[in-house]
Amino acid sequence: MSTPKHCPGFESFKHLSSFVCKCPNCGEKKEIFSDEFDREHKCDSCGQVIDFSQCSLDGSA
């Protein structure tokens, strides 16, 4: 039996990008990944909807 090089399911997530955007209401940062971009996201602090189309690519995950 051999030990796998990475976690099961790694291949489906290795090309994701992360996006960080500040809430327009309170300034709290919120991170999402590129596979979640088409869903609505709300600020964890104040509940305001965040428009991630106004954000920039922050890094790769």
PDB file of N, CA and C in Angstrom:
ATOM      1  N   MET A   1       0.837  -1.173   0.000  1.00  0.00           N
ATOM      2  CA  MET A   1       0.000   0.000   0.000  1.00  0.00           C
ATOM      3  C   MET A   1       0.893   1.251   0.000  1.00  0.00           C
ATOM      4  N   SER A   2       0.547   2.234  -0.841  1.00  0.00           N
ATOM      5  CA  SER A   2       1.357   3.450  -0.914  1.00  0.00           C
ATOM      6  C   SER A   2       0.599   4.638  -0.313  1.00  0.00           C
ATOM      7  N   THR A   3       1.341   5.629   0.103  1.00  0.00           N
ATOM      8  CA  THR A   3       0.754   6.837   0.679  1.00  0.00           C
ATOM      9  C   THR A   3       0.509   7.843  -0.441  1.00  0.00           C
ATOM     10  N   PRO A   4      -0.706   8.413  -0.538  1.00  0.00           N
ATOM     11  CA  PRO A   4      -0.976   9.402  -1.578  1.00  0.00           C
ATOM     12  C   PRO A   4      -0.140  10.666  -1.361  1.00  0.00           C
ATOM     13  N   LYS A   5       0.162  11.383  -2.465  1.00  0.00           N
ATOM     14  CA  LYS A   5       0.960  12.602  -2.382  1.00  0.00           C
ATOM     15  C   LYS A   5       0.160  13.780  -1.844  1.00  0.00           C
ATOM     16  N   HIS A   6      -1.158  13.786  -2.046  1.00  0.00           N
ATOM     17  CA  HIS A   6      -1.991  14.843  -1.509  1.00  0.00           C
ATOM     18  C   HIS A   6      -3.358  14.305  -1.121  1.00  0.00           C
ATOM     19  N   CYS A   7      -4.153  15.189  -0.567  1.00  0.00           N
ATOM     20  CA  CYS A   7      -5.478  14.804  -0.085  1.00  0.00           C
ATOM     21  C   CYS A   7      -6.376  14.354  -1.239  1.00  0.00           C
ATOM     22  N   PRO A   8      -7.303  13.435  -0.985  1.00  0.00           N
ATOM     23  CA  PRO A   8      -8.276  13.059  -2.013  1.00  0.00           C
ATOM     24  C   PRO A   8      -9.081  14.288  -2.439  1.00  0.00           C
ATOM     25  N   GLY A   9      -9.321  14.439  -3.710  1.00  0.00           N
ATOM     26  CA  GLY A   9     -10.064  15.577  -4.225  1.00  0.00           C
ATOM     27  C   GLY A   9      -9.212  16.789  -4.542  1.00  0.00           C
ATOM     28  N   PHE A  10      -7.919  16.706  -4.307  1.00  0.00           N
ATOM     29  CA  PHE A  10      -7.006  17.828  -4.529  1.00  0.00           C
ATOM     30  C   PHE A  10      -7.045  18.342  -5.962  1.00  0.00           C
ATOM     31  N   GLU A  11      -7.109  17.452  -6.917  1.00  0.00           N
ATOM     32  CA  GLU A  11      -7.079  17.839  -8.331  1.00  0.00           C
ATOM     33  C   GLU A  11      -8.195  18.809  -8.704  1.00  0.00           C
ATOM     34  N   SER A  12      -9.386  18.640  -8.139  1.00  0.00           N
ATOM     35  CA  SER A  12     -10.506  19.501  -8.504  1.00  0.00           C
ATOM     36  C   SER A  12     -10.391  20.901  -7.900  1.00  0.00           C
ATOM     37  N   PHE A  13      -9.489  21.119  -6.946  1.00  0.00           N
ATOM     38  CA  PHE A  13      -9.361  22.415  -6.289  1.00  0.00           C
ATOM     39  C   PHE A  13      -8.032  23.122  -6.537  1.00  0.00           C
ATOM     40  N   LYS A  14      -7.092  22.508  -7.214  1.00  0.00           N
ATOM     41  CA  LYS A  14      -5.754  23.093  -7.306  1.00  0.00           C
ATOM     42  C   LYS A  14      -5.673  24.332  -8.191  1.00  0.00           C
ATOM     43  N   HIS A  15      -6.680  24.605  -9.007  1.00  0.00           N
ATOM     44  CA  HIS A  15      -6.639  25.772  -9.888  1.00  0.00           C
ATOM     45  C   HIS A  15      -7.560  26.900  -9.418  1.00  0.00           C
ATOM     46  N   LEU A  16      -8.035  26.847  -8.188  1.00  0.00           N
ATOM     47  CA  LEU A  16      -8.909  27.899  -7.665  1.00  0.00           C
ATOM     48  C   LEU A  16      -8.110  29.165  -7.384  1.00  0.00           C
ATOM     49  N   SER A  17      -8.754  30.304  -7.556  1.00  0.00           N
ATOM     50  CA  SER A  17      -8.187  31.589  -7.176  1.00  0.00           C
ATOM     51  C   SER A  17      -9.011  32.149  -6.035  1.00  0.00           C
ATOM     52  N   SER A  18      -8.380  32.944  -5.178  1.00  0.00           N
ATOM     53  CA  SER A  18      -9.128  33.565  -4.089  1.00  0.00           C
ATOM     54  C   SER A  18      -9.297  35.048  -4.378  1.00  0.00           C
ATOM     55  N   PHE A  19     -10.434  35.567  -3.951  1.00  0.00           N
ATOM     56  CA  PHE A  19     -10.751  36.978  -4.103  1.00  0.00           C
ATOM     57  C   PHE A  19     -11.060  37.527  -2.720  1.00  0.00           C
ATOM     58  N   VAL A  20     -10.497  38.675  -2.400  1.00  0.00           N
ATOM     59  CA  VAL A  20     -10.776  39.341  -1.132  1.00  0.00           C
ATOM     60  C   VAL A  20     -11.350  40.709  -1.462  1.00  0.00           C
ATOM     61  N   CYS A  21     -12.451  41.038  -0.834  1.00  0.00           N
ATOM     62  CA  CYS A  21     -13.100  42.319  -1.076  1.00  0.00           C
ATOM     63  C   CYS A  21     -13.521  42.907   0.262  1.00  0.00           C
ATOM     64  N   LYS A  22     -13.483  44.229   0.352  1.00  0.00           N
ATOM     65  CA  LYS A  22     -13.948  44.905   1.550  1.00  0.00           C
ATOM     66  C   LYS A  22     -15.433  45.208   1.410  1.00  0.00           C
ATOM     67  N   CYS A  23     -16.144  45.040   2.492  1.00  0.00           N
ATOM     68  CA  CYS A  23     -17.571  45.372   2.536  1.00  0.00           C
ATOM     69  C   CYS A  23     -17.728  46.875   2.297  1.00  0.00           C
ATOM     70  N   PRO A  24     -18.622  47.275   1.375  1.00  0.00           N
ATOM     71  CA  PRO A  24     -18.812  48.706   1.122  1.00  0.00           C
ATOM     72  C   PRO A  24     -19.465  49.434   2.300  1.00  0.00           C
ATOM     73  N   ASN A  25     -20.063  48.682   3.214  1.00  0.00           N
ATOM     74  CA  ASN A  25     -20.754  49.281   4.354  1.00  0.00           C
ATOM     75  C   ASN A  25     -19.845  49.456   5.569  1.00  0.00           C
ATOM     76  N   CYS A  26     -19.118  48.390   5.966  1.00  0.00           N
ATOM     77  CA  CYS A  26     -18.340  48.451   7.204  1.00  0.00           C
ATOM     78  C   CYS A  26     -16.834  48.267   7.014  1.00  0.00           C
ATOM     79  N   GLY A  27     -16.394  47.877   5.807  1.00  0.00           N
ATOM     80  CA  GLY A  27     -14.967  47.725   5.539  1.00  0.00           C
ATOM     81  C   GLY A  27     -14.381  46.376   5.912  1.00  0.00           C
ATOM     82  N   GLU A  28     -15.185  45.471   6.452  1.00  0.00           N
ATOM     83  CA  GLU A  28     -14.718  44.123   6.823  1.00  0.00           C
ATOM     84  C   GLU A  28     -14.316  43.364   5.561  1.00  0.00           C
ATOM     85  N   LYS A  29     -13.206  42.617   5.618  1.00  0.00           N
ATOM     86  CA  LYS A  29     -12.753  41.846   4.464  1.00  0.00           C
ATOM     87  C   LYS A  29     -13.485  40.510   4.393  1.00  0.00           C
ATOM     88  N   LYS A  30     -13.806  40.092   3.185  1.00  0.00           N
ATOM     89  CA  LYS A  30     -14.474  38.808   2.931  1.00  0.00           C
ATOM     90  C   LYS A  30     -13.726  38.117   1.806  1.00  0.00           C
ATOM     91  N   GLU A  31     -13.424  36.834   1.963  1.00  0.00           N
ATOM     92  CA  GLU A  31     -12.722  36.056   0.948  1.00  0.00           C
ATOM     93  C   GLU A  31     -13.670  35.032   0.341  1.00  0.00           C
ATOM     94  N   ILE A  32     -13.619  34.911  -0.978  1.00  0.00           N
ATOM     95  CA  ILE A  32     -14.315  33.822  -1.657  1.00  0.00           C
ATOM     96  C   ILE A  32     -13.345  33.198  -2.645  1.00  0.00           C
ATOM     97  N   PHE A  33     -13.684  32.012  -3.116  1.00  0.00           N
ATOM     98  CA  PHE A  33     -12.884  31.324  -4.123  1.00  0.00           C
ATOM     99  C   PHE A  33     -13.592  31.376  -5.466  1.00  0.00           C
ATOM    100  N   SER A  34     -12.847  31.208  -6.530  1.00  0.00           N
ATOM    101  CA  SER A  34     -13.371  31.391  -7.884  1.00  0.00           C
ATOM    102  C   SER A  34     -14.551  30.478  -8.203  1.00  0.00           C
ATOM    103  N   ASP A  35     -14.685  29.339  -7.553  1.00  0.00           N
ATOM    104  CA  ASP A  35     -15.830  28.470  -7.823  1.00  0.00           C
ATOM    105  C   ASP A  35     -17.095  28.936  -7.099  1.00  0.00           C
ATOM    106  N   GLU A  36     -17.000  29.982  -6.262  1.00  0.00           N
ATOM    107  CA  GLU A  36     -18.144  30.533  -5.547  1.00  0.00           C
ATOM    108  C   GLU A  36     -18.561  31.892  -6.097  1.00  0.00           C
ATOM    109  N   PHE A  37     -17.942  32.330  -7.168  1.00  0.00           N
ATOM    110  CA  PHE A  37     -18.109  33.693  -7.677  1.00  0.00           C
ATOM    111  C   PHE A  37     -19.527  33.997  -8.133  1.00  0.00           C
ATOM    112  N   ASP A  38     -20.255  32.990  -8.594  1.00  0.00           N
ATOM    113  CA  ASP A  38     -21.594  33.230  -9.137  1.00  0.00           C
ATOM    114  C   ASP A  38     -22.704  33.236  -8.074  1.00  0.00           C
ATOM    115  N   ARG A  39     -22.354  33.100  -6.802  1.00  0.00           N
ATOM    116  CA  ARG A  39     -23.341  33.122  -5.723  1.00  0.00           C
ATOM    117  C   ARG A  39     -23.311  34.469  -4.997  1.00  0.00           C
ATOM    118  N   GLU A  40     -24.416  34.815  -4.364  1.00  0.00           N
ATOM    119  CA  GLU A  40     -24.459  36.036  -3.564  1.00  0.00           C
ATOM    120  C   GLU A  40     -23.693  35.820  -2.263  1.00  0.00           C
ATOM    121  N   HIS A  41     -22.952  36.843  -1.856  1.00  0.00           N
ATOM    122  CA  HIS A  41     -22.186  36.773  -0.609  1.00  0.00           C
ATOM    123  C   HIS A  41     -22.508  37.976   0.249  1.00  0.00           C
ATOM    124  N   LYS A  42     -22.656  37.729   1.534  1.00  0.00           N
ATOM    125  CA  LYS A  42     -22.949  38.795   2.487  1.00  0.00           C
ATOM    126  C   LYS A  42     -21.790  38.932   3.462  1.00  0.00           C
ATOM    127  N   CYS A  43     -21.597  40.144   3.932  1.00  0.00           N
ATOM    128  CA  CYS A  43     -20.572  40.436   4.925  1.00  0.00           C
ATOM    129  C   CYS A  43     -20.889  39.677   6.210  1.00  0.00           C
ATOM    130  N   ASP A  44     -19.873  39.035   6.781  1.00  0.00           N
ATOM    131  CA  ASP A  44     -20.059  38.297   8.031  1.00  0.00           C
ATOM    132  C   ASP A  44     -20.289  39.242   9.207  1.00  0.00           C
ATOM    133  N   SER A  45     -19.864  40.484   9.072  1.00  0.00           N
ATOM    134  CA  SER A  45     -19.970  41.437  10.165  1.00  0.00           C
ATOM    135  C   SER A  45     -21.308  42.176  10.196  1.00  0.00           C
ATOM    136  N   CYS A  46     -21.727  42.742   9.032  1.00  0.00           N
ATOM    137  CA  CYS A  46     -22.931  43.579   9.040  1.00  0.00           C
ATOM    138  C   CYS A  46     -24.082  43.040   8.189  1.00  0.00           C
ATOM    139  N   GLY A  47     -23.838  42.014   7.365  1.00  0.00           N
ATOM    140  CA  GLY A  47     -24.895  41.414   6.561  1.00  0.00           C
ATOM    141  C   GLY A  47     -25.126  42.061   5.209  1.00  0.00           C
ATOM    142  N   GLN A  48     -24.372  43.112   4.874  1.00  0.00           N
ATOM    143  CA  GLN A  48     -24.499  43.796   3.587  1.00  0.00           C
ATOM    144  C   GLN A  48     -24.054  42.867   2.450  1.00  0.00           C
ATOM    145  N   VAL A  49     -24.775  42.880   1.318  1.00  0.00           N
ATOM    146  CA  VAL A  49     -24.371  42.107   0.145  1.00  0.00           C
ATOM    147  C   VAL A  49     -23.112  42.738  -0.435  1.00  0.00           C
ATOM    148  N   ILE A  50     -22.119  41.916  -0.768  1.00  0.00           N
ATOM    149  CA  ILE A  50     -20.860  42.389  -1.338  1.00  0.00           C
ATOM    150  C   ILE A  50     -20.825  42.049  -2.818  1.00  0.00           C
ATOM    151  N   ASP A  51     -20.540  43.049  -3.654  1.00  0.00           N
ATOM    152  CA  ASP A  51     -20.436  42.876  -5.103  1.00  0.00           C
ATOM    153  C   ASP A  51     -18.990  42.534  -5.451  1.00  0.00           C
ATOM    154  N   PHE A  52     -18.705  41.244  -5.609  1.00  0.00           N
ATOM    155  CA  PHE A  52     -17.344  40.804  -5.878  1.00  0.00           C
ATOM    156  C   PHE A  52     -16.875  41.133  -7.289  1.00  0.00           C
ATOM    157  N   SER A  53     -17.773  41.573  -8.172  1.00  0.00           N
ATOM    158  CA  SER A  53     -17.326  41.987  -9.512  1.00  0.00           C
ATOM    159  C   SER A  53     -16.533  43.287  -9.431  1.00  0.00           C
ATOM    160  N   GLN A  54     -16.591  43.987  -8.294  1.00  0.00           N
ATOM    161  CA  GLN A  54     -15.839  45.225  -8.090  1.00  0.00           C
ATOM    162  C   GLN A  54     -14.518  44.969  -7.372  1.00  0.00           C
ATOM    163  N   CYS A  55     -14.185  43.706  -7.114  1.00  0.00           N
ATOM    164  CA  CYS A  55     -12.979  43.357  -6.383  1.00  0.00           C
ATOM    165  C   CYS A  55     -11.884  42.892  -7.328  1.00  0.00           C
ATOM    166  N   SER A  56     -10.678  42.713  -6.781  1.00  0.00           N
ATOM    167  CA  SER A  56      -9.552  42.285  -7.601  1.00  0.00           C
ATOM    168  C   SER A  56      -9.002  40.942  -7.135  1.00  0.00           C
ATOM    169  N   LEU A  57      -8.310  40.263  -8.031  1.00  0.00           N
ATOM    170  CA  LEU A  57      -7.664  38.993  -7.713  1.00  0.00           C
ATOM    171  C   LEU A  57      -6.594  39.244  -6.677  1.00  0.00           C
ATOM    172  N   ASP A  58      -6.676  38.527  -5.574  1.00  0.00           N
ATOM    173  CA  ASP A  58      -5.742  38.758  -4.472  1.00  0.00           C
ATOM    174  C   ASP A  58      -4.638  37.720  -4.413  1.00  0.00           C
ATOM    175  N   GLY A  59      -4.901  36.486  -4.841  1.00  0.00           N
ATOM    176  CA  GLY A  59      -3.898  35.441  -4.760  1.00  0.00           C
ATOM    177  C   GLY A  59      -4.442  34.136  -5.276  1.00  0.00           C
ATOM    178  N   SER A  60      -3.640  33.113  -5.230  1.00  0.00           N
ATOM    179  CA  SER A  60      -4.052  31.788  -5.651  1.00  0.00           C
ATOM    180  C   SER A  60      -4.143  30.891  -4.440  1.00  0.00           C
ATOM    181  N   ALA A  61      -5.115  30.049  -4.447  1.00  0.00           N
ATOM    182  CA  ALA A  61      -5.292  29.123  -3.330  1.00  0.00           C
ATOM    183  C   ALA A  61      -4.941  27.725  -3.734  1.00  0.00           C
TER     184      ALA A  61
END
